[in-house]
Amino acid sequence: MMKTADLRDLAAWIMLTDAPAPDLSPESAKKADFLNRHGQNLKKQIEDAASREEAVLIIDLVSEEPGSGFNAELTERAGERMKAAAAALAGAIGAEKIIVAAPEDISWAPEGAEIVRLECSPVLREDSALFHILETGELRSCPLDRAFPSQGYKGLPTVTVGAEDLLRLCAMAEPGYTETKIVIIRTGDGASVAEVPTGTTVGELLKAAGADAPKGVLAGGVTGTFTRNPESCAIGTGSMFDSVRAFGEKDCMADQTARLMKQALDLSCRKCVLCREGSWHMAEIFKGITEGKGKKEDLDMVMDIGPLITAGAFCSFGQNMAACAVSSVECNREELLTHIVKKKCPAGVCSAFSKKTYVIDPAKCTACGDCIDECDEMAIEGKRKFIHMIDQDMCTSCGKCVSACDEEAIVVNNGSVKVPKKLTKVGKF
């Protein structure tokens, strides 16, 4: 279990209270008037499902970033409270079937519930993707054209809730209820969990939790948003605030974004072209920046295609993945440009900038071609009687060419050797 952040008078601790589960009734569950984890109005869904036959209750513990630990943390702390809320909710809609989608077995499942083991994925925040994988075993986002408000799993009336939704149901039954949000705060040193009133700024949260963020924060993961001004970002009830990552001087923002975009590529269900191709391009762009192959135009490309993906992707995963990349360029442009222009990683994280760079000394090169024959990457350009040149973008610094050169013309670049910018005849440079 993660440590609890000391938020002093900022904390409300309504959902994560250690109190026994409240005595919830189906009637009290019907009063739940808030947006669920999938952005649906819970009260309207409950009312609609209750008026129909064959209602289904789905408890979603998988709609999160892989490795997030959000639902697992809540389950460990307050499983019995969630069980009471689930029973009341099932009674409110007259559920004939209860499904618990979880990455592992749980001890507090409602009586008669079917537990379906699934891997966690932010794609599943799109409720149609959750329904589709439960029905077919295939991860696909298939946005629904609902004939009635609660239409969902197998076309049946369906109410879907997450761990936090269930805890909110319990909290609403307590006297003096105040709307709060549970947040996992991540830093380079570890993680802690806090519960704060909605409207609290991320800056207030970090200050109260003793977390420093000189390089800004990421609210959410691969579908989140970077900001350099935590004080301007107010915490809401949405999944973007499940976690807040604070970045310090040891964090490389190019590397962090490259990791996120690689994750986006791996997580995409690949149904729509914009998300499938867009996640690939974003991953390649930021990977190239960390490898010293970035160009200034790459940042313009992100800013150009990002809004197009956000506007046209089928589901919120694709839309928010692109927005995450755009926000990184907006917030981290200076550090990204340092990688691109100065070929330097300020945090010392990107290994490409610490590798040996080889050059061919034009005073020693005899244009024999031995180095060209030895290079597996075809990174050496040259021909008979012309000084050979190494393409630094293609060179992997393996050193094979050094061993192949009898003239010892290939040396580590320390800035003292000037090389031609185009092929030049031996003895003419």
Protein backbone atom coordinates (compact mmCIF):
# COMPACT_ATOMS: atom_id res chain seq x y z
CA MET A 1 0.00 0.00 0.00
CA MET A 2 1.27 3.45 -0.90
CA LYS A 3 1.94 5.95 1.84
CA THR A 4 -0.76 8.52 2.50
CA ALA A 5 0.27 12.08 1.69
CA ASP A 6 0.08 14.46 4.65
CA LEU A 7 -2.36 17.08 3.37
CA ARG A 8 -3.20 18.54 6.77
CA ASP A 9 -6.36 20.65 6.54
CA LEU A 10 -6.53 20.20 2.76
CA ALA A 11 -7.70 16.60 3.01
CA ALA A 12 -11.34 15.63 3.30
CA TRP A 13 -10.82 11.84 3.55
CA ILE A 14 -14.41 10.98 2.81
CA MET A 15 -14.03 8.11 0.36
CA LEU A 16 -10.93 6.55 1.92
CA THR A 17 -12.23 6.67 5.48
CA ASP A 18 -11.59 3.65 7.69
CA ALA A 19 -15.23 3.68 8.84
CA PRO A 20 -17.35 0.57 8.26
CA ALA A 21 -19.38 0.37 5.09
CA PRO A 22 -22.54 2.49 5.39
CA ASP A 23 -25.96 0.88 5.34
CA LEU A 24 -26.72 1.52 1.68
CA SER A 25 -30.08 0.72 0.13
CA PRO A 26 -31.11 0.47 -3.53
CA GLU A 27 -33.10 3.67 -3.04
CA SER A 28 -30.06 5.57 -1.82
CA ALA A 29 -28.06 4.31 -4.83
CA LYS A 30 -30.69 5.75 -7.16
CA LYS A 31 -29.81 9.22 -5.88
CA ALA A 32 -26.25 9.01 -7.23
CA ASP A 33 -26.08 12.04 -9.49
CA PHE A 34 -22.58 12.33 -10.97
CA LEU A 35 -20.61 11.29 -14.05
CA ASN A 36 -19.18 7.80 -13.81
CA ARG A 37 -15.67 6.72 -14.86
CA HIS A 38 -16.81 6.54 -18.47
CA GLY A 39 -18.29 10.03 -18.55
CA GLN A 40 -21.89 8.80 -18.38
CA ASN A 41 -24.52 10.36 -16.12
CA LEU A 42 -24.89 7.64 -13.50
CA LYS A 43 -28.34 8.72 -12.28
CA LYS A 44 -29.81 8.66 -15.79
CA GLN A 45 -28.26 5.27 -16.47
CA ILE A 46 -29.62 3.83 -13.21
CA GLU A 47 -33.13 5.17 -13.87
CA ASP A 48 -33.13 3.87 -17.42
CA ALA A 49 -31.69 0.43 -16.58
CA ALA A 50 -34.15 0.03 -13.69
CA SER A 51 -37.06 0.53 -16.10
CA ARG A 52 -35.91 -2.30 -18.40
CA GLU A 53 -35.35 -6.04 -18.21
CA GLU A 54 -32.09 -8.04 -18.11
CA ALA A 55 -30.06 -5.20 -16.60
CA VAL A 56 -26.30 -5.71 -16.22
CA LEU A 57 -23.93 -4.14 -13.67
CA ILE A 58 -20.26 -3.96 -14.69
CA ILE A 59 -17.62 -3.10 -12.09
CA ASP A 60 -14.66 -1.81 -14.07
CA LEU A 61 -11.25 -2.19 -12.40
CA VAL A 62 -9.24 -2.18 -15.64
CA SER A 63 -9.76 1.27 -17.17
CA GLU A 64 -6.43 2.74 -16.18
CA GLU A 65 -2.82 3.10 -17.28
CA PRO A 66 -0.86 -0.18 -17.05
CA GLY A 67 1.08 -0.15 -13.80
CA SER A 68 -0.99 2.74 -12.42
CA GLY A 69 -2.07 0.87 -9.31
CA PHE A 70 -5.05 3.20 -8.88
CA ASN A 71 -7.85 0.62 -8.68
CA ALA A 72 -5.66 -1.86 -6.79
CA GLU A 73 -4.88 0.79 -4.17
CA LEU A 74 -8.55 1.62 -3.66
CA THR A 75 -9.52 -2.05 -3.59
CA GLU A 76 -6.94 -2.83 -0.91
CA ARG A 77 -8.01 0.11 1.25
CA ALA A 78 -11.79 -0.02 0.94
CA GLY A 79 -12.94 -3.26 -0.68
CA GLU A 80 -15.78 -3.90 1.79
CA ARG A 81 -17.18 -0.40 1.27
CA MET A 82 -17.16 -0.97 -2.48
CA LYS A 83 -18.91 -4.32 -2.03
CA ALA A 84 -21.73 -2.64 -0.09
CA ALA A 85 -22.10 0.02 -2.79
CA ALA A 86 -22.12 -2.59 -5.56
CA ALA A 87 -24.87 -4.56 -3.81
CA ALA A 88 -27.00 -1.43 -3.45
CA LEU A 89 -26.41 -0.47 -7.06
CA ALA A 90 -27.29 -3.96 -8.30
CA GLY A 91 -30.52 -3.75 -6.33
CA ALA A 92 -31.29 -0.29 -7.71
CA ILE A 93 -31.26 -1.49 -11.32
CA GLY A 94 -32.54 -5.01 -10.66
CA ALA A 95 -29.34 -6.45 -12.13
CA GLU A 96 -29.70 -9.97 -13.48
CA LYS A 97 -25.97 -10.18 -14.12
CA ILE A 98 -22.94 -8.65 -12.36
CA ILE A 99 -19.54 -8.65 -14.08
CA VAL A 100 -16.31 -7.62 -12.35
CA ALA A 101 -13.56 -6.83 -14.88
CA ALA A 102 -10.27 -7.00 -12.97
CA PRO A 103 -6.58 -7.77 -13.62
CA GLU A 104 -6.57 -10.31 -10.79
CA ASP A 105 -8.95 -12.07 -8.39
CA ILE A 106 -10.56 -9.90 -5.71
CA SER A 107 -11.83 -10.88 -2.29
CA TRP A 108 -14.81 -8.51 -2.04
CA ALA A 109 -16.74 -9.37 -5.23
CA PRO A 110 -20.54 -9.09 -4.84
CA GLU A 111 -22.38 -12.38 -4.40
CA GLY A 112 -23.00 -14.16 -7.69
CA ALA A 113 -20.66 -11.89 -9.66
CA GLU A 114 -18.70 -13.18 -12.65
CA ILE A 115 -15.04 -12.15 -12.46
CA VAL A 116 -13.41 -11.63 -15.85
CA ARG A 117 -9.62 -11.29 -15.86
CA LEU A 118 -8.43 -8.51 -18.18
CA GLU A 119 -5.24 -6.50 -18.58
CA CYS A 120 -5.48 -2.84 -17.59
CA SER A 121 -5.67 -0.34 -20.46
CA PRO A 122 -6.74 3.30 -20.82
CA VAL A 123 -8.45 2.27 -24.09
CA LEU A 124 -11.08 0.62 -21.88
CA ARG A 125 -12.18 4.03 -20.59
CA GLU A 126 -14.17 4.06 -23.82
CA ASP A 127 -17.08 1.96 -22.54
CA SER A 128 -17.73 0.42 -25.95
CA ALA A 129 -14.18 -1.01 -25.88
CA LEU A 130 -14.91 -2.52 -22.47
CA PHE A 131 -18.18 -4.05 -23.71
CA HIS A 132 -16.50 -5.39 -26.85
CA ILE A 133 -13.64 -7.13 -25.04
CA LEU A 134 -16.07 -8.67 -22.54
CA GLU A 135 -18.20 -9.96 -25.41
CA THR A 136 -15.49 -11.12 -27.83
CA GLY A 137 -12.13 -11.07 -26.04
CA GLU A 138 -10.86 -8.53 -28.62
CA LEU A 139 -9.69 -5.06 -27.61
CA ARG A 140 -11.53 -2.74 -29.99
CA SER A 141 -13.17 0.63 -29.54
CA CYS A 142 -16.60 0.54 -31.22
CA PRO A 143 -18.45 3.79 -30.33
CA LEU A 144 -22.12 3.06 -29.80
CA ASP A 145 -25.17 4.64 -31.34
CA ARG A 146 -27.36 4.05 -28.30
CA ALA A 147 -31.05 3.42 -28.84
CA PHE A 148 -31.64 4.08 -25.12
CA PRO A 149 -29.44 5.75 -22.44
CA SER A 150 -28.20 2.61 -20.69
CA GLN A 151 -27.68 0.41 -23.76
CA GLY A 152 -24.33 -1.33 -23.48
CA TYR A 153 -23.05 -4.87 -22.96
CA LYS A 154 -24.61 -7.16 -25.62
CA GLY A 155 -27.16 -4.41 -26.28
CA LEU A 156 -28.62 -4.85 -22.80
CA PRO A 157 -29.33 -2.08 -20.26
CA THR A 158 -25.94 -1.65 -18.58
CA VAL A 159 -24.56 0.43 -15.74
CA THR A 160 -20.76 0.62 -15.56
CA VAL A 161 -18.87 1.91 -12.52
CA GLY A 162 -15.27 1.95 -11.31
CA ALA A 163 -13.76 1.58 -7.85
CA GLU A 164 -13.89 5.32 -7.19
CA ASP A 165 -17.53 5.51 -8.34
CA LEU A 166 -18.45 2.92 -5.72
CA LEU A 167 -16.55 4.79 -3.01
CA ARG A 168 -18.30 8.00 -4.02
CA LEU A 169 -21.64 6.24 -3.54
CA CYS A 170 -20.58 5.36 0.00
CA ALA A 171 -19.36 8.90 0.68
CA MET A 172 -22.63 10.43 -0.50
CA ALA A 173 -24.45 8.44 2.19
CA GLU A 174 -22.35 10.05 4.93
CA PRO A 175 -23.42 13.32 6.63
CA GLY A 176 -21.70 16.46 5.35
CA TYR A 177 -20.63 14.97 2.04
CA THR A 178 -18.12 17.05 0.08
CA GLU A 179 -17.04 16.15 -3.44
CA THR A 180 -13.46 14.89 -3.44
CA LYS A 181 -11.00 13.19 -5.75
CA ILE A 182 -8.48 10.46 -4.98
CA VAL A 183 -5.06 11.18 -6.52
CA ILE A 184 -1.84 9.19 -6.67
CA ILE A 185 1.13 11.56 -6.52
CA ARG A 186 4.25 10.24 -8.25
CA THR A 187 7.78 11.60 -7.97
CA GLY A 188 11.20 10.17 -8.69
CA ASP A 189 11.34 8.97 -5.08
CA GLY A 190 8.09 7.01 -5.02
CA ALA A 191 4.35 7.49 -4.76
CA SER A 192 1.71 8.46 -2.24
CA VAL A 193 -2.06 8.64 -2.29
CA ALA A 194 -4.21 11.60 -1.28
CA GLU A 195 -7.85 12.58 -1.26
CA VAL A 196 -8.57 16.24 -1.88
CA PRO A 197 -11.61 18.43 -2.48
CA THR A 198 -12.30 18.99 -6.16
CA GLY A 199 -11.15 22.43 -7.25
CA THR A 200 -7.87 22.10 -5.34
CA THR A 201 -5.01 23.11 -7.62
CA VAL A 202 -2.28 20.66 -8.50
CA GLY A 203 0.16 23.20 -7.06
CA GLU A 204 -1.61 23.11 -3.69
CA LEU A 205 -1.62 19.32 -3.80
CA LEU A 206 2.11 19.09 -4.48
CA LYS A 207 2.96 21.66 -1.82
CA ALA A 208 0.89 19.91 0.82
CA ALA A 209 2.39 16.54 -0.14
CA GLY A 210 5.94 17.95 -0.03
CA ALA A 211 6.58 17.25 -3.71
CA ASP A 212 8.73 19.54 -5.86
CA ALA A 213 8.16 19.94 -9.61
CA PRO A 214 10.76 22.26 -11.17
CA LYS A 215 10.03 20.80 -14.61
CA GLY A 216 6.26 20.79 -14.23
CA VAL A 217 3.79 17.94 -13.95
CA LEU A 218 1.87 15.42 -15.99
CA ALA A 219 -1.75 15.06 -14.93
CA GLY A 220 -2.68 11.57 -16.04
CA GLY A 221 -0.49 9.19 -18.02
CA VAL A 222 -0.42 8.56 -21.76
CA THR A 223 -3.80 10.27 -22.07
CA GLY A 224 -2.85 13.11 -19.73
CA THR A 225 -1.58 16.67 -20.06
CA PHE A 226 1.76 18.31 -19.29
CA THR A 227 1.80 21.69 -17.58
CA ARG A 228 4.54 23.99 -16.30
CA ASN A 229 2.07 25.89 -14.14
CA PRO A 230 0.53 23.52 -11.55
CA GLU A 231 -1.25 26.42 -9.87
CA SER A 232 -3.41 26.91 -12.96
CA CYS A 233 -4.58 23.30 -13.05
CA ALA A 234 -7.59 22.51 -10.82
CA ILE A 235 -8.31 18.91 -9.85
CA GLY A 236 -11.59 17.53 -11.17
CA THR A 237 -13.28 14.16 -10.80
CA GLY A 238 -12.13 12.80 -14.19
CA SER A 239 -9.65 9.98 -14.70
CA MET A 240 -6.97 12.44 -15.84
CA PHE A 241 -6.41 13.21 -12.16
CA ASP A 242 -6.07 9.59 -11.03
CA SER A 243 -2.34 10.31 -10.97
CA VAL A 244 -0.13 13.39 -10.99
CA ARG A 245 3.55 12.96 -11.88
CA ALA A 246 5.96 15.67 -10.66
CA PHE A 247 9.16 16.10 -12.70
CA GLY A 248 12.52 17.07 -11.22
CA GLU A 249 15.88 18.10 -12.65
CA LYS A 250 16.91 14.46 -13.11
CA ASP A 251 13.97 13.83 -15.44
CA CYS A 252 14.48 14.22 -19.19
CA MET A 253 11.26 15.51 -20.72
CA ALA A 254 12.18 14.19 -24.17
CA ASP A 255 12.72 10.73 -22.72
CA GLN A 256 9.53 10.89 -20.64
CA THR A 257 7.45 11.86 -23.67
CA ALA A 258 9.10 9.23 -25.87
CA ARG A 259 8.16 6.58 -23.31
CA LEU A 260 4.56 7.80 -23.23
CA MET A 261 4.25 7.79 -27.01
CA LYS A 262 5.76 4.29 -27.24
CA GLN A 263 3.15 3.24 -24.70
CA ALA A 264 0.44 4.90 -26.80
CA LEU A 265 1.61 2.95 -29.85
CA ASP A 266 1.56 -0.33 -27.91
CA LEU A 267 -1.85 0.36 -26.35
CA SER A 268 -3.73 1.58 -29.42
CA CYS A 269 -6.42 -0.88 -30.50
CA ARG A 270 -5.46 0.14 -34.08
CA LYS A 271 -9.03 0.31 -35.32
CA CYS A 272 -9.00 3.89 -36.59
CA VAL A 273 -6.34 5.18 -38.98
CA LEU A 274 -5.73 8.43 -37.12
CA CYS A 275 -4.84 6.74 -33.84
CA ARG A 276 -2.98 3.83 -35.44
CA GLU A 277 -0.82 5.96 -37.74
CA GLY A 278 -0.73 8.97 -35.45
CA SER A 279 0.60 7.02 -32.47
CA TRP A 280 3.32 5.54 -34.70
CA HIS A 281 4.42 8.96 -35.96
CA MET A 282 4.40 10.46 -32.45
CA ALA A 283 6.46 7.55 -31.12
CA GLU A 284 8.98 7.86 -33.97
CA ILE A 285 9.32 11.62 -33.61
CA PHE A 286 10.09 11.59 -29.89
CA LYS A 287 12.27 8.49 -30.17
CA GLY A 288 14.30 10.29 -32.82
CA ILE A 289 14.72 13.31 -30.55
CA THR A 290 16.15 11.14 -27.77
CA GLU A 291 18.51 9.46 -30.25
CA GLY A 292 19.96 12.70 -31.57
CA LYS A 293 18.13 12.41 -34.91
CA GLY A 294 15.48 15.04 -34.25
CA LYS A 295 14.83 18.07 -36.44
CA LYS A 296 13.17 21.39 -35.64
CA GLU A 297 10.43 20.51 -38.11
CA ASP A 298 9.50 17.51 -35.94
CA LEU A 299 8.05 19.81 -33.29
CA ASP A 300 6.01 21.62 -35.95
CA MET A 301 4.79 18.25 -37.19
CA VAL A 302 3.52 17.33 -33.70
CA MET A 303 1.70 20.66 -33.43
CA ASP A 304 0.17 20.17 -36.90
CA ILE A 305 -1.01 16.57 -36.73
CA GLY A 306 -1.88 16.49 -33.01
CA PRO A 307 -5.11 18.53 -33.30
CA LEU A 308 -6.11 16.52 -36.40
CA ILE A 309 -5.82 13.26 -34.47
CA THR A 310 -7.66 14.74 -31.50
CA ALA A 311 -10.50 15.89 -33.76
CA GLY A 312 -10.80 12.69 -35.76
CA ALA A 313 -9.86 9.68 -33.58
CA PHE A 314 -12.78 7.37 -32.80
CA CYS A 315 -12.41 7.34 -29.04
CA SER A 316 -11.02 9.38 -26.17
CA PHE A 317 -7.82 7.34 -26.04
CA GLY A 318 -6.65 8.45 -29.48
CA GLN A 319 -7.86 11.99 -28.90
CA ASN A 320 -6.09 12.40 -25.56
CA MET A 321 -2.92 10.55 -26.62
CA ALA A 322 -2.34 13.18 -29.30
CA ALA A 323 -3.17 16.01 -26.92
CA CYS A 324 -0.54 14.66 -24.51
CA ALA A 325 2.15 14.94 -27.21
CA VAL A 326 1.04 18.46 -28.12
CA SER A 327 1.11 19.60 -24.48
CA SER A 328 4.64 18.21 -24.12
CA VAL A 329 5.88 20.31 -27.03
CA GLU A 330 4.12 23.37 -25.62
CA CYS A 331 5.61 22.90 -22.15
CA ASN A 332 8.99 21.38 -22.94
CA ARG A 333 9.96 23.04 -26.22
CA GLU A 334 13.21 24.51 -24.89
CA GLU A 335 14.47 21.18 -23.57
CA LEU A 336 13.39 19.38 -26.74
CA LEU A 337 15.23 21.95 -28.86
CA THR A 338 18.37 21.45 -26.76
CA HIS A 339 18.28 17.80 -27.82
CA ILE A 340 17.66 18.73 -31.45
CA VAL A 341 19.94 21.73 -31.96
CA LYS A 342 22.69 21.35 -29.39
CA LYS A 343 22.68 17.53 -29.46
CA LYS A 344 22.68 17.51 -25.69
CA CYS A 345 20.48 15.97 -22.99
CA PRO A 346 20.46 18.42 -20.03
CA ALA A 347 19.42 15.67 -17.61
CA GLY A 348 22.09 13.27 -18.89
CA VAL A 349 19.47 10.57 -19.50
CA CYS A 350 19.59 10.05 -23.27
CA SER A 351 22.54 7.76 -23.93
CA ALA A 352 22.76 8.78 -27.60
CA PHE A 353 24.39 12.03 -26.56
CA SER A 354 27.07 10.35 -24.49
CA LYS A 355 28.16 7.81 -27.12
CA LYS A 356 31.48 8.06 -28.91
CA THR A 357 31.32 9.98 -32.18
CA TYR A 358 33.85 8.88 -34.78
CA VAL A 359 35.22 11.02 -37.62
CA ILE A 360 37.68 10.33 -40.43
CA ASP A 361 40.79 12.51 -40.31
CA PRO A 362 41.12 13.90 -43.87
CA ALA A 363 44.91 14.28 -43.44
CA LYS A 364 45.29 10.52 -42.92
CA CYS A 365 42.56 9.06 -45.15
CA THR A 366 43.90 7.32 -48.29
CA ALA A 367 40.45 6.43 -49.68
CA CYS A 368 41.21 2.71 -49.51
CA GLY A 369 37.59 1.75 -48.83
CA ASP A 370 38.35 -0.76 -46.06
CA CYS A 371 36.15 1.09 -43.57
CA ILE A 372 33.23 1.11 -46.03
CA ASP A 373 33.47 -2.64 -46.45
CA GLU A 374 33.46 -3.15 -42.66
CA CYS A 375 30.46 -0.90 -41.86
CA ASP A 376 27.26 -2.93 -41.41
CA GLU A 377 25.13 0.22 -41.22
CA MET A 378 26.42 1.65 -44.53
CA ALA A 379 27.14 4.84 -42.61
CA ILE A 380 30.37 5.67 -44.45
CA GLU A 381 30.25 7.56 -47.71
CA GLY A 382 33.22 7.61 -50.10
CA LYS A 383 34.74 6.46 -53.36
CA ARG A 384 38.17 5.93 -54.91
CA LYS A 385 40.52 8.91 -54.48
CA PHE A 386 37.96 10.81 -52.33
CA ILE A 387 38.18 11.37 -48.55
CA HIS A 388 35.64 9.16 -46.83
CA MET A 389 32.96 10.64 -44.51
CA ILE A 390 30.84 9.18 -41.66
CA ASP A 391 27.09 9.87 -41.57
CA GLN A 392 26.53 10.54 -37.85
CA ASP A 393 22.78 9.85 -38.09
CA MET A 394 23.45 6.32 -39.32
CA CYS A 395 26.57 5.56 -37.30
CA THR A 396 26.04 3.34 -34.23
CA SER A 397 29.58 3.89 -32.88
CA CYS A 398 30.33 0.17 -33.00
CA GLY A 399 34.05 0.87 -33.70
CA LYS A 400 34.48 -1.79 -36.42
CA CYS A 401 35.74 0.81 -38.89
CA VAL A 402 38.45 1.89 -36.43
CA SER A 403 39.93 -1.59 -36.41
CA ALA A 404 39.71 -1.84 -40.19
CA CYS A 405 41.68 1.35 -40.88
CA ASP A 406 45.42 0.63 -41.18
CA GLU A 407 46.16 4.39 -41.44
CA GLU A 408 44.50 5.02 -38.04
CA ALA A 409 42.50 7.78 -39.73
CA ILE A 410 39.27 7.09 -37.82
CA VAL A 411 39.34 8.76 -34.40
CA VAL A 412 36.95 9.80 -31.63
CA ASN A 413 35.71 13.31 -32.35
CA ASN A 414 36.99 15.71 -29.70
CA GLY A 415 36.41 18.82 -31.76
CA SER A 416 39.99 19.13 -32.98
CA VAL A 417 39.50 17.35 -36.31
CA LYS A 418 37.85 19.32 -39.10
CA VAL A 419 36.12 17.25 -41.76
CA PRO A 420 34.79 18.17 -45.20
CA LYS A 421 31.04 18.75 -45.67
CA LYS A 422 31.06 17.05 -49.06
CA LEU A 423 33.21 14.49 -50.82
CA THR A 424 36.65 15.98 -51.46
CA LYS A 425 39.64 14.49 -53.24
CA VAL A 426 42.45 13.12 -51.11
CA GLY A 427 45.07 15.80 -50.49
CA LYS A 428 42.74 18.66 -51.48
CA PHE A 429 41.29 19.49 -48.01
